[in-house]
């Protein structure tokens, strides 16, 4: 594990500091907790998922290519390398039964539950707003319904894809490539 984390950290990719020696144990404990909760919550409420560990994406409603590049470049202020942003046209995805989502990213969405379970999280309880639909995972088919509920708050979403073969079928554009 240390070898992989050292490599990620040395490449200074997306949110690389969480893989630094000082952060990695706490981060990986949170990540494993959240993945277990996502999987168990979804399968208990909605049914089976193809994989046990998802691949994560962010969904920014109505984002433009230019705005995606700007957001990626903001990460460079955290010492990260210049980003390559994968843009996926979600309307083109036909089979969404193994796609789920949370409000914000899953760590934010499950922050309160992680804290209550004794998982070490950054910040204290006063810095996080817990929304009614935090600590929940939803089928992608509910994205419009949930988005309408939070549209005024300009919420972003984390998408979890639980079907690795589906990833090979998704059409995408990579922004930021030379």
N, C-alpha and C. Protein backbone atom coordinates (compact mmCIF):
# COMPACT_ATOMS: atom_id res chain seq x y z
N UNK A 1 0.82 -1.19 0.00
CA UNK A 1 0.00 0.00 0.00
C UNK A 1 0.87 1.26 0.00
N UNK A 2 1.92 1.28 0.80
CA UNK A 2 2.78 2.46 0.87
C UNK A 2 3.41 2.77 -0.49
N UNK A 3 3.79 1.74 -1.21
CA UNK A 3 4.40 1.95 -2.53
C UNK A 3 3.44 2.66 -3.47
N UNK A 4 2.19 2.23 -3.49
CA UNK A 4 1.17 2.84 -4.36
C UNK A 4 0.91 4.28 -3.91
N UNK A 5 0.72 4.48 -2.62
CA UNK A 5 0.47 5.84 -2.10
C UNK A 5 1.65 6.76 -2.37
N UNK A 6 2.87 6.27 -2.23
CA UNK A 6 4.05 7.08 -2.52
C UNK A 6 4.08 7.50 -3.99
N UNK A 7 3.71 6.59 -4.86
CA UNK A 7 3.71 6.90 -6.28
C UNK A 7 2.65 7.96 -6.61
N UNK A 8 1.45 7.79 -6.06
CA UNK A 8 0.38 8.77 -6.28
C UNK A 8 0.83 10.13 -5.76
N UNK A 9 1.38 10.14 -4.58
CA UNK A 9 1.81 11.39 -3.95
C UNK A 9 2.93 12.06 -4.77
N UNK A 10 3.87 11.29 -5.26
CA UNK A 10 4.99 11.86 -6.02
C UNK A 10 4.55 12.41 -7.37
N UNK A 11 3.46 11.89 -7.92
CA UNK A 11 2.97 12.37 -9.22
C UNK A 11 2.13 13.63 -9.09
N UNK A 12 1.77 13.97 -7.87
CA UNK A 12 1.01 15.19 -7.58
C UNK A 12 -0.25 15.31 -8.42
N UNK A 13 -1.01 14.21 -8.45
CA UNK A 13 -2.29 14.20 -9.15
C UNK A 13 -3.39 14.75 -8.28
N UNK A 14 -4.62 14.54 -8.72
CA UNK A 14 -5.81 15.08 -8.06
C UNK A 14 -5.82 14.75 -6.56
N UNK A 15 -5.87 15.76 -5.75
CA UNK A 15 -5.91 15.63 -4.28
C UNK A 15 -4.79 14.74 -3.74
N UNK A 16 -3.61 14.85 -4.30
CA UNK A 16 -2.49 14.00 -3.91
C UNK A 16 -2.11 14.09 -2.43
N UNK A 17 -2.30 15.24 -1.74
CA UNK A 17 -1.86 15.27 -0.33
C UNK A 17 -2.51 14.20 0.56
N UNK A 18 -3.70 13.75 0.21
CA UNK A 18 -4.35 12.73 1.05
C UNK A 18 -3.59 11.40 1.02
N UNK A 19 -2.68 11.24 0.06
CA UNK A 19 -1.87 10.02 -0.02
C UNK A 19 -0.48 10.21 0.59
N UNK A 20 -0.20 11.42 1.10
CA UNK A 20 1.07 11.67 1.78
C UNK A 20 1.14 10.82 3.04
N UNK A 21 2.32 10.53 3.48
CA UNK A 21 2.52 9.66 4.64
C UNK A 21 1.70 10.12 5.85
N UNK A 22 1.59 11.43 6.05
CA UNK A 22 0.89 11.96 7.22
C UNK A 22 -0.64 11.83 7.12
N UNK A 23 -1.17 11.64 5.93
CA UNK A 23 -2.62 11.63 5.72
C UNK A 23 -3.18 10.27 5.34
N UNK A 24 -2.39 9.42 4.72
CA UNK A 24 -2.92 8.25 4.02
C UNK A 24 -3.71 7.27 4.88
N UNK A 25 -3.26 6.99 6.07
CA UNK A 25 -3.99 6.01 6.90
C UNK A 25 -5.40 6.49 7.21
N UNK A 26 -5.50 7.77 7.63
CA UNK A 26 -6.82 8.32 7.94
C UNK A 26 -7.69 8.38 6.68
N UNK A 27 -7.09 8.83 5.56
CA UNK A 27 -7.86 8.91 4.32
C UNK A 27 -8.37 7.53 3.89
N UNK A 28 -7.49 6.56 3.88
CA UNK A 28 -7.89 5.22 3.43
C UNK A 28 -8.92 4.60 4.37
N UNK A 29 -8.82 4.87 5.65
CA UNK A 29 -9.84 4.38 6.59
C UNK A 29 -11.20 5.01 6.26
N UNK A 30 -11.20 6.32 6.00
CA UNK A 30 -12.45 7.00 5.61
C UNK A 30 -12.97 6.45 4.30
N UNK A 31 -12.07 6.28 3.32
CA UNK A 31 -12.49 5.80 2.00
C UNK A 31 -13.13 4.42 2.11
N UNK A 32 -12.49 3.50 2.83
CA UNK A 32 -13.04 2.15 2.99
C UNK A 32 -14.38 2.18 3.72
N UNK A 33 -14.49 3.03 4.74
CA UNK A 33 -15.75 3.17 5.47
C UNK A 33 -16.85 3.66 4.52
N UNK A 34 -16.56 4.71 3.78
CA UNK A 34 -17.56 5.30 2.88
C UNK A 34 -17.96 4.30 1.80
N UNK A 35 -17.00 3.62 1.20
CA UNK A 35 -17.34 2.63 0.16
C UNK A 35 -18.22 1.52 0.70
N UNK A 36 -17.93 1.06 1.91
CA UNK A 36 -18.77 0.02 2.52
C UNK A 36 -20.18 0.55 2.75
N UNK A 37 -20.28 1.76 3.28
CA UNK A 37 -21.59 2.36 3.55
C UNK A 37 -22.38 2.59 2.26
N UNK A 38 -21.72 3.11 1.24
CA UNK A 38 -22.39 3.32 -0.05
C UNK A 38 -22.97 2.02 -0.57
N UNK A 39 -22.12 1.00 -0.60
CA UNK A 39 -22.54 -0.30 -1.13
C UNK A 39 -23.69 -0.88 -0.31
N UNK A 40 -23.53 -0.91 1.00
CA UNK A 40 -24.57 -1.51 1.86
C UNK A 40 -25.86 -0.72 1.81
N UNK A 41 -25.78 0.60 1.86
CA UNK A 41 -27.00 1.42 1.81
C UNK A 41 -27.75 1.21 0.51
N UNK A 42 -27.00 1.22 -0.60
CA UNK A 42 -27.66 1.08 -1.89
C UNK A 42 -28.29 -0.31 -2.05
N UNK A 43 -27.53 -1.34 -1.74
CA UNK A 43 -28.05 -2.70 -1.97
C UNK A 43 -29.22 -3.02 -1.03
N UNK A 44 -29.23 -2.46 0.16
CA UNK A 44 -30.36 -2.67 1.06
C UNK A 44 -31.62 -1.94 0.57
N UNK A 45 -31.45 -0.77 0.00
CA UNK A 45 -32.58 0.05 -0.41
C UNK A 45 -33.07 -0.24 -1.83
N UNK A 46 -32.12 -0.49 -2.76
CA UNK A 46 -32.49 -0.54 -4.18
C UNK A 46 -32.15 -1.86 -4.89
N UNK A 47 -31.28 -2.67 -4.34
CA UNK A 47 -30.93 -3.93 -5.01
C UNK A 47 -29.44 -4.05 -5.29
N UNK A 48 -29.09 -5.03 -6.10
CA UNK A 48 -27.69 -5.39 -6.31
C UNK A 48 -26.92 -4.38 -7.15
N UNK A 49 -25.61 -4.42 -7.00
CA UNK A 49 -24.67 -3.67 -7.83
C UNK A 49 -23.66 -4.67 -8.37
N UNK A 50 -23.15 -4.39 -9.56
CA UNK A 50 -22.26 -5.35 -10.22
C UNK A 50 -20.91 -5.50 -9.52
N UNK A 51 -20.36 -4.40 -9.04
CA UNK A 51 -19.05 -4.42 -8.38
C UNK A 51 -19.23 -4.00 -6.92
N UNK A 52 -18.20 -4.22 -6.11
CA UNK A 52 -18.25 -3.81 -4.71
C UNK A 52 -17.53 -2.48 -4.47
N UNK A 53 -16.69 -2.07 -5.42
CA UNK A 53 -15.94 -0.82 -5.30
C UNK A 53 -16.20 -0.01 -6.57
N UNK A 54 -16.65 1.23 -6.41
CA UNK A 54 -16.97 2.03 -7.59
C UNK A 54 -15.79 2.83 -8.13
N UNK A 55 -15.99 3.39 -9.32
CA UNK A 55 -15.10 4.39 -9.88
C UNK A 55 -15.87 5.70 -9.74
N UNK A 56 -15.18 6.74 -9.30
CA UNK A 56 -15.82 8.00 -8.94
C UNK A 56 -15.63 9.08 -10.00
N UNK A 57 -16.67 9.88 -10.18
CA UNK A 57 -16.64 11.05 -11.05
C UNK A 57 -17.41 12.17 -10.35
N UNK A 58 -17.12 13.40 -10.71
CA UNK A 58 -17.92 14.53 -10.23
C UNK A 58 -18.89 14.93 -11.32
N UNK A 59 -20.07 15.35 -10.92
CA UNK A 59 -21.07 15.88 -11.84
C UNK A 59 -21.35 17.31 -11.43
N UNK A 60 -21.04 18.22 -12.32
CA UNK A 60 -21.32 19.63 -12.13
C UNK A 60 -22.42 19.99 -13.11
N UNK A 61 -23.64 20.20 -12.63
CA UNK A 61 -24.75 20.51 -13.55
C UNK A 61 -24.45 21.74 -14.41
N UNK A 62 -24.78 21.62 -15.69
CA UNK A 62 -24.65 22.73 -16.65
C UNK A 62 -23.24 23.28 -16.80
N UNK A 63 -22.24 22.47 -16.55
CA UNK A 63 -20.86 22.96 -16.65
C UNK A 63 -20.46 23.07 -18.12
N UNK A 64 -19.64 24.06 -18.39
CA UNK A 64 -19.09 24.22 -19.74
C UNK A 64 -17.66 23.68 -19.74
N UNK A 65 -17.13 23.45 -20.92
CA UNK A 65 -15.75 22.98 -21.00
C UNK A 65 -14.80 24.00 -20.37
N UNK A 66 -15.04 25.28 -20.64
CA UNK A 66 -14.17 26.32 -20.09
C UNK A 66 -14.21 26.32 -18.56
N UNK A 67 -15.40 26.19 -17.99
CA UNK A 67 -15.52 26.17 -16.52
C UNK A 67 -14.84 24.93 -15.93
N UNK A 68 -14.95 23.80 -16.62
CA UNK A 68 -14.28 22.58 -16.14
C UNK A 68 -12.77 22.78 -16.11
N UNK A 69 -12.23 23.42 -17.14
CA UNK A 69 -10.79 23.69 -17.17
C UNK A 69 -10.40 24.65 -16.05
N UNK A 70 -11.21 25.69 -15.83
CA UNK A 70 -10.93 26.63 -14.74
C UNK A 70 -10.92 25.94 -13.38
N UNK A 71 -11.91 25.08 -13.13
CA UNK A 71 -11.96 24.35 -11.86
C UNK A 71 -10.74 23.44 -11.70
N UNK A 72 -10.36 22.79 -12.79
CA UNK A 72 -9.18 21.93 -12.74
C UNK A 72 -7.91 22.72 -12.45
N UNK A 73 -7.79 23.87 -13.06
CA UNK A 73 -6.59 24.69 -12.86
C UNK A 73 -6.53 25.25 -11.44
N UNK A 74 -7.68 25.43 -10.81
CA UNK A 74 -7.67 25.88 -9.41
C UNK A 74 -6.93 24.87 -8.53
N UNK A 75 -7.00 23.60 -8.88
CA UNK A 75 -6.32 22.56 -8.10
C UNK A 75 -4.80 22.75 -8.15
N UNK A 76 -4.30 23.40 -9.21
CA UNK A 76 -2.85 23.62 -9.31
C UNK A 76 -2.37 24.50 -8.16
N UNK A 77 -3.24 25.30 -7.58
CA UNK A 77 -2.89 26.11 -6.42
C UNK A 77 -2.62 25.27 -5.19
N UNK A 78 -2.96 24.00 -5.25
CA UNK A 78 -2.71 23.06 -4.15
C UNK A 78 -1.49 22.19 -4.45
N UNK A 79 -0.69 22.62 -5.42
CA UNK A 79 0.53 21.89 -5.74
C UNK A 79 0.31 20.71 -6.67
N UNK A 80 -0.84 20.65 -7.29
CA UNK A 80 -1.11 19.53 -8.20
C UNK A 80 -0.63 19.85 -9.61
N UNK A 81 -0.35 18.81 -10.37
CA UNK A 81 0.07 19.00 -11.74
C UNK A 81 -1.12 19.51 -12.56
N UNK A 82 -0.84 20.00 -13.76
CA UNK A 82 -1.92 20.50 -14.62
C UNK A 82 -2.91 19.37 -14.89
N UNK A 83 -4.18 19.65 -14.72
CA UNK A 83 -5.18 18.58 -14.82
C UNK A 83 -5.53 18.17 -16.24
N UNK A 84 -5.94 16.94 -16.36
CA UNK A 84 -6.58 16.44 -17.58
C UNK A 84 -7.98 16.06 -17.13
N UNK A 85 -8.96 16.70 -17.70
CA UNK A 85 -10.33 16.56 -17.24
C UNK A 85 -11.10 15.69 -18.22
N UNK A 86 -11.75 14.69 -17.67
CA UNK A 86 -12.56 13.77 -18.47
C UNK A 86 -13.99 14.29 -18.46
N UNK A 87 -14.50 14.66 -19.62
CA UNK A 87 -15.89 15.12 -19.73
C UNK A 87 -16.71 14.01 -20.37
N UNK A 88 -17.77 13.63 -19.68
CA UNK A 88 -18.66 12.57 -20.15
C UNK A 88 -20.03 13.17 -20.37
N UNK A 89 -20.64 12.84 -21.48
CA UNK A 89 -21.99 13.29 -21.76
C UNK A 89 -22.94 12.25 -21.17
N UNK A 90 -23.48 12.54 -19.99
CA UNK A 90 -24.25 11.54 -19.27
C UNK A 90 -25.55 11.17 -19.99
N UNK A 91 -26.05 12.06 -20.84
CA UNK A 91 -27.25 11.73 -21.58
C UNK A 91 -27.04 10.54 -22.51
N UNK A 92 -25.80 10.28 -22.88
CA UNK A 92 -25.48 9.19 -23.81
C UNK A 92 -25.39 7.83 -23.12
N UNK A 93 -25.43 7.81 -21.79
CA UNK A 93 -25.33 6.54 -21.07
C UNK A 93 -26.71 5.90 -21.03
N UNK A 94 -26.83 4.76 -21.68
CA UNK A 94 -28.13 4.10 -21.78
C UNK A 94 -28.47 3.27 -20.54
N UNK A 95 -27.52 2.53 -20.01
CA UNK A 95 -27.78 1.63 -18.89
C UNK A 95 -27.19 2.24 -17.62
N UNK A 96 -28.05 2.75 -16.76
CA UNK A 96 -27.58 3.43 -15.54
C UNK A 96 -27.86 2.63 -14.27
N UNK A 97 -28.22 1.36 -14.41
CA UNK A 97 -28.61 0.60 -13.21
C UNK A 97 -27.44 0.36 -12.24
N UNK A 98 -26.20 0.50 -12.69
CA UNK A 98 -25.04 0.37 -11.81
C UNK A 98 -24.33 1.70 -11.61
N UNK A 99 -25.13 2.77 -11.68
CA UNK A 99 -24.61 4.11 -11.44
C UNK A 99 -25.41 4.71 -10.29
N UNK A 100 -24.69 5.22 -9.30
CA UNK A 100 -25.31 5.85 -8.14
C UNK A 100 -24.74 7.26 -7.99
N UNK A 101 -25.31 8.01 -7.05
CA UNK A 101 -24.76 9.33 -6.77
C UNK A 101 -25.04 9.75 -5.33
N UNK A 102 -24.22 10.69 -4.87
CA UNK A 102 -24.41 11.33 -3.58
C UNK A 102 -24.39 12.83 -3.78
N UNK A 103 -24.97 13.56 -2.82
CA UNK A 103 -24.83 15.02 -2.83
C UNK A 103 -23.39 15.33 -2.48
N UNK A 104 -22.81 16.29 -3.17
CA UNK A 104 -21.40 16.62 -3.01
C UNK A 104 -20.58 15.35 -3.29
N UNK A 105 -19.43 15.23 -2.69
CA UNK A 105 -18.68 13.98 -2.83
C UNK A 105 -19.10 13.04 -1.71
N UNK A 106 -18.79 11.77 -1.84
CA UNK A 106 -19.25 10.78 -0.87
C UNK A 106 -18.66 11.00 0.52
N UNK A 107 -17.44 11.55 0.60
CA UNK A 107 -16.88 11.83 1.93
C UNK A 107 -17.68 12.92 2.62
N UNK A 108 -18.08 13.93 1.88
CA UNK A 108 -18.92 14.99 2.45
C UNK A 108 -20.30 14.45 2.79
N UNK A 109 -20.85 13.67 1.87
CA UNK A 109 -22.19 13.13 2.08
C UNK A 109 -22.28 12.22 3.30
N UNK A 110 -21.21 11.48 3.56
CA UNK A 110 -21.20 10.53 4.68
C UNK A 110 -20.35 11.01 5.86
N UNK A 111 -20.00 12.27 5.86
CA UNK A 111 -19.13 12.84 6.89
C UNK A 111 -19.71 12.63 8.29
N UNK A 112 -20.98 12.97 8.46
CA UNK A 112 -21.60 12.85 9.80
C UNK A 112 -21.58 11.40 10.28
N UNK A 113 -21.93 10.48 9.42
CA UNK A 113 -21.95 9.07 9.82
C UNK A 113 -20.55 8.57 10.14
N UNK A 114 -19.57 9.02 9.37
CA UNK A 114 -18.18 8.63 9.64
C UNK A 114 -17.75 9.14 11.02
N UNK A 115 -18.06 10.39 11.30
CA UNK A 115 -17.70 10.96 12.61
C UNK A 115 -18.38 10.18 13.74
N UNK A 116 -19.65 9.87 13.56
CA UNK A 116 -20.40 9.13 14.59
C UNK A 116 -19.84 7.72 14.79
N UNK A 117 -19.19 7.20 13.76
CA UNK A 117 -18.60 5.85 13.85
C UNK A 117 -17.18 5.87 14.38
N UNK A 118 -16.68 7.06 14.72
CA UNK A 118 -15.34 7.16 15.28
C UNK A 118 -14.24 7.29 14.23
N UNK A 119 -14.62 7.50 12.98
CA UNK A 119 -13.63 7.68 11.91
C UNK A 119 -13.09 9.10 11.99
N UNK A 120 -11.79 9.24 11.93
CA UNK A 120 -11.16 10.56 11.99
C UNK A 120 -11.40 11.30 10.68
N UNK A 121 -12.00 12.49 10.80
CA UNK A 121 -12.28 13.33 9.62
C UNK A 121 -11.65 14.69 9.83
N UNK A 122 -11.35 15.34 8.73
CA UNK A 122 -10.81 16.70 8.82
C UNK A 122 -11.90 17.64 9.30
N UNK A 123 -11.50 18.67 10.00
CA UNK A 123 -12.44 19.68 10.45
C UNK A 123 -13.23 19.23 11.66
N UNK A 124 -14.00 20.13 12.18
CA UNK A 124 -14.84 19.78 13.32
C UNK A 124 -16.30 19.79 12.88
N UNK A 125 -17.16 19.47 13.77
CA UNK A 125 -18.58 19.37 13.46
C UNK A 125 -19.24 20.68 13.08
N UNK A 126 -18.59 21.80 13.33
CA UNK A 126 -19.19 23.09 13.02
C UNK A 126 -18.93 23.55 11.60
N UNK A 127 -18.08 22.87 10.86
CA UNK A 127 -17.72 23.34 9.52
C UNK A 127 -18.52 22.66 8.41
N UNK A 128 -19.27 21.64 8.72
CA UNK A 128 -20.00 20.91 7.70
C UNK A 128 -21.50 21.10 7.85
N UNK A 129 -22.14 21.40 6.75
CA UNK A 129 -23.60 21.47 6.72
C UNK A 129 -24.08 20.08 6.35
N UNK A 130 -25.00 19.54 7.13
CA UNK A 130 -25.56 18.23 6.83
C UNK A 130 -26.96 18.45 6.26
N UNK A 131 -27.11 18.11 4.99
CA UNK A 131 -28.39 18.27 4.32
C UNK A 131 -29.26 17.03 4.54
N UNK A 132 -30.53 17.19 4.31
CA UNK A 132 -31.49 16.10 4.51
C UNK A 132 -31.09 14.84 3.75
N UNK A 133 -30.52 14.99 2.58
CA UNK A 133 -30.17 13.83 1.75
C UNK A 133 -28.69 13.46 1.81
N UNK A 134 -27.96 14.03 2.78
CA UNK A 134 -26.62 13.51 3.04
C UNK A 134 -26.78 12.18 3.77
N UNK A 135 -25.73 11.41 3.83
CA UNK A 135 -25.76 10.07 4.42
C UNK A 135 -26.68 9.14 3.64
N UNK A 136 -26.85 9.45 2.37
CA UNK A 136 -27.68 8.62 1.49
C UNK A 136 -27.00 8.49 0.14
N UNK A 137 -27.29 7.38 -0.52
CA UNK A 137 -26.84 7.15 -1.88
C UNK A 137 -28.09 6.86 -2.71
N UNK A 138 -28.11 7.36 -3.93
CA UNK A 138 -29.30 7.25 -4.77
C UNK A 138 -28.98 6.58 -6.10
N UNK A 139 -29.97 5.92 -6.70
CA UNK A 139 -29.79 5.43 -8.07
C UNK A 139 -29.74 6.62 -9.01
N UNK A 140 -28.95 6.50 -10.06
CA UNK A 140 -28.80 7.60 -11.00
C UNK A 140 -30.14 8.03 -11.60
N UNK A 141 -31.07 7.13 -11.67
CA UNK A 141 -32.39 7.46 -12.22
C UNK A 141 -33.10 8.55 -11.42
N UNK A 142 -32.63 8.85 -10.21
CA UNK A 142 -33.25 9.88 -9.37
C UNK A 142 -32.53 11.23 -9.44
N UNK A 143 -31.55 11.36 -10.31
CA UNK A 143 -30.73 12.58 -10.32
C UNK A 143 -31.55 13.83 -10.59
N UNK A 144 -32.48 13.79 -11.52
CA UNK A 144 -33.29 14.97 -11.82
C UNK A 144 -34.15 15.36 -10.63
N UNK A 145 -34.77 14.39 -10.01
CA UNK A 145 -35.63 14.64 -8.84
C UNK A 145 -34.84 15.30 -7.71
N UNK A 146 -33.68 14.75 -7.39
CA UNK A 146 -32.86 15.29 -6.31
C UNK A 146 -32.28 16.66 -6.71
N UNK A 147 -31.89 16.78 -7.97
CA UNK A 147 -31.33 18.06 -8.42
C UNK A 147 -32.36 19.19 -8.30
N UNK A 148 -33.61 18.91 -8.64
CA UNK A 148 -34.66 19.93 -8.51
C UNK A 148 -34.79 20.40 -7.06
N UNK A 149 -34.63 19.49 -6.15
CA UNK A 149 -34.74 19.80 -4.73
C UNK A 149 -33.64 20.74 -4.25
N UNK A 150 -32.42 20.60 -4.81
CA UNK A 150 -31.26 21.36 -4.33
C UNK A 150 -30.74 22.37 -5.35
N UNK A 151 -31.45 22.57 -6.43
CA UNK A 151 -30.99 23.44 -7.51
C UNK A 151 -30.57 24.83 -7.01
N UNK A 152 -31.34 25.43 -6.14
CA UNK A 152 -31.04 26.77 -5.64
C UNK A 152 -29.74 26.81 -4.84
N UNK A 153 -29.32 25.69 -4.29
CA UNK A 153 -28.09 25.65 -3.49
C UNK A 153 -26.86 25.34 -4.33
N UNK A 154 -27.04 25.15 -5.62
CA UNK A 154 -25.93 24.87 -6.54
C UNK A 154 -25.07 23.71 -6.06
N UNK A 155 -25.73 22.61 -5.75
CA UNK A 155 -25.06 21.40 -5.28
C UNK A 155 -24.42 20.68 -6.47
N UNK A 156 -23.23 20.16 -6.24
CA UNK A 156 -22.59 19.26 -7.19
C UNK A 156 -22.77 17.84 -6.67
N UNK A 157 -22.47 16.87 -7.49
CA UNK A 157 -22.72 15.48 -7.14
C UNK A 157 -21.48 14.65 -7.40
N UNK A 158 -21.38 13.57 -6.65
CA UNK A 158 -20.38 12.56 -6.97
C UNK A 158 -21.13 11.39 -7.58
N UNK A 159 -20.64 10.92 -8.70
CA UNK A 159 -21.22 9.78 -9.40
C UNK A 159 -20.34 8.58 -9.10
N UNK A 160 -20.96 7.46 -8.77
CA UNK A 160 -20.23 6.22 -8.54
C UNK A 160 -20.67 5.21 -9.61
N UNK A 161 -19.71 4.71 -10.36
CA UNK A 161 -20.01 3.70 -11.38
C UNK A 161 -19.54 2.35 -10.85
N UNK A 162 -20.47 1.42 -10.74
CA UNK A 162 -20.25 0.10 -10.14
C UNK A 162 -20.20 -0.99 -11.22
N UNK A 163 -19.85 -0.63 -12.43
CA UNK A 163 -19.76 -1.57 -13.54
C UNK A 163 -18.55 -1.18 -14.39
N UNK A 164 -17.45 -1.89 -14.21
CA UNK A 164 -16.21 -1.54 -14.90
C UNK A 164 -16.34 -1.67 -16.41
N UNK A 165 -17.14 -2.61 -16.89
CA UNK A 165 -17.33 -2.77 -18.33
C UNK A 165 -18.06 -1.58 -18.93
N UNK A 166 -18.94 -0.98 -18.17
CA UNK A 166 -19.65 0.21 -18.63
C UNK A 166 -18.66 1.34 -18.91
N UNK A 167 -17.61 1.42 -18.13
CA UNK A 167 -16.61 2.47 -18.33
C UNK A 167 -15.98 2.40 -19.71
N UNK A 168 -15.83 1.18 -20.22
CA UNK A 168 -15.24 1.01 -21.55
C UNK A 168 -16.17 1.47 -22.66
N UNK A 169 -17.46 1.57 -22.38
CA UNK A 169 -18.46 1.93 -23.39
C UNK A 169 -18.81 3.41 -23.40
N UNK A 170 -18.41 4.11 -22.37
CA UNK A 170 -18.78 5.53 -22.24
C UNK A 170 -17.93 6.37 -23.18
N UNK A 171 -18.59 7.26 -23.93
CA UNK A 171 -17.84 8.18 -24.78
C UNK A 171 -17.46 9.40 -23.93
N UNK A 172 -16.29 9.94 -24.20
CA UNK A 172 -15.77 11.04 -23.39
C UNK A 172 -14.83 11.91 -24.21
N UNK A 173 -14.53 13.07 -23.65
CA UNK A 173 -13.55 13.99 -24.19
C UNK A 173 -12.59 14.30 -23.06
N UNK A 174 -11.31 14.35 -23.34
CA UNK A 174 -10.32 14.73 -22.34
C UNK A 174 -9.90 16.17 -22.61
N UNK A 175 -10.13 17.01 -21.63
CA UNK A 175 -9.73 18.41 -21.73
C UNK A 175 -8.39 18.60 -21.05
N UNK A 176 -7.57 19.48 -21.58
CA UNK A 176 -6.30 19.78 -20.94
C UNK A 176 -5.14 18.99 -21.51
N UNK A 177 -5.41 18.14 -22.50
CA UNK A 177 -4.31 17.40 -23.13
C UNK A 177 -3.60 18.30 -24.13
N UNK A 178 -2.32 18.18 -24.17
CA UNK A 178 -1.52 19.00 -25.11
C UNK A 178 -1.67 18.46 -26.52
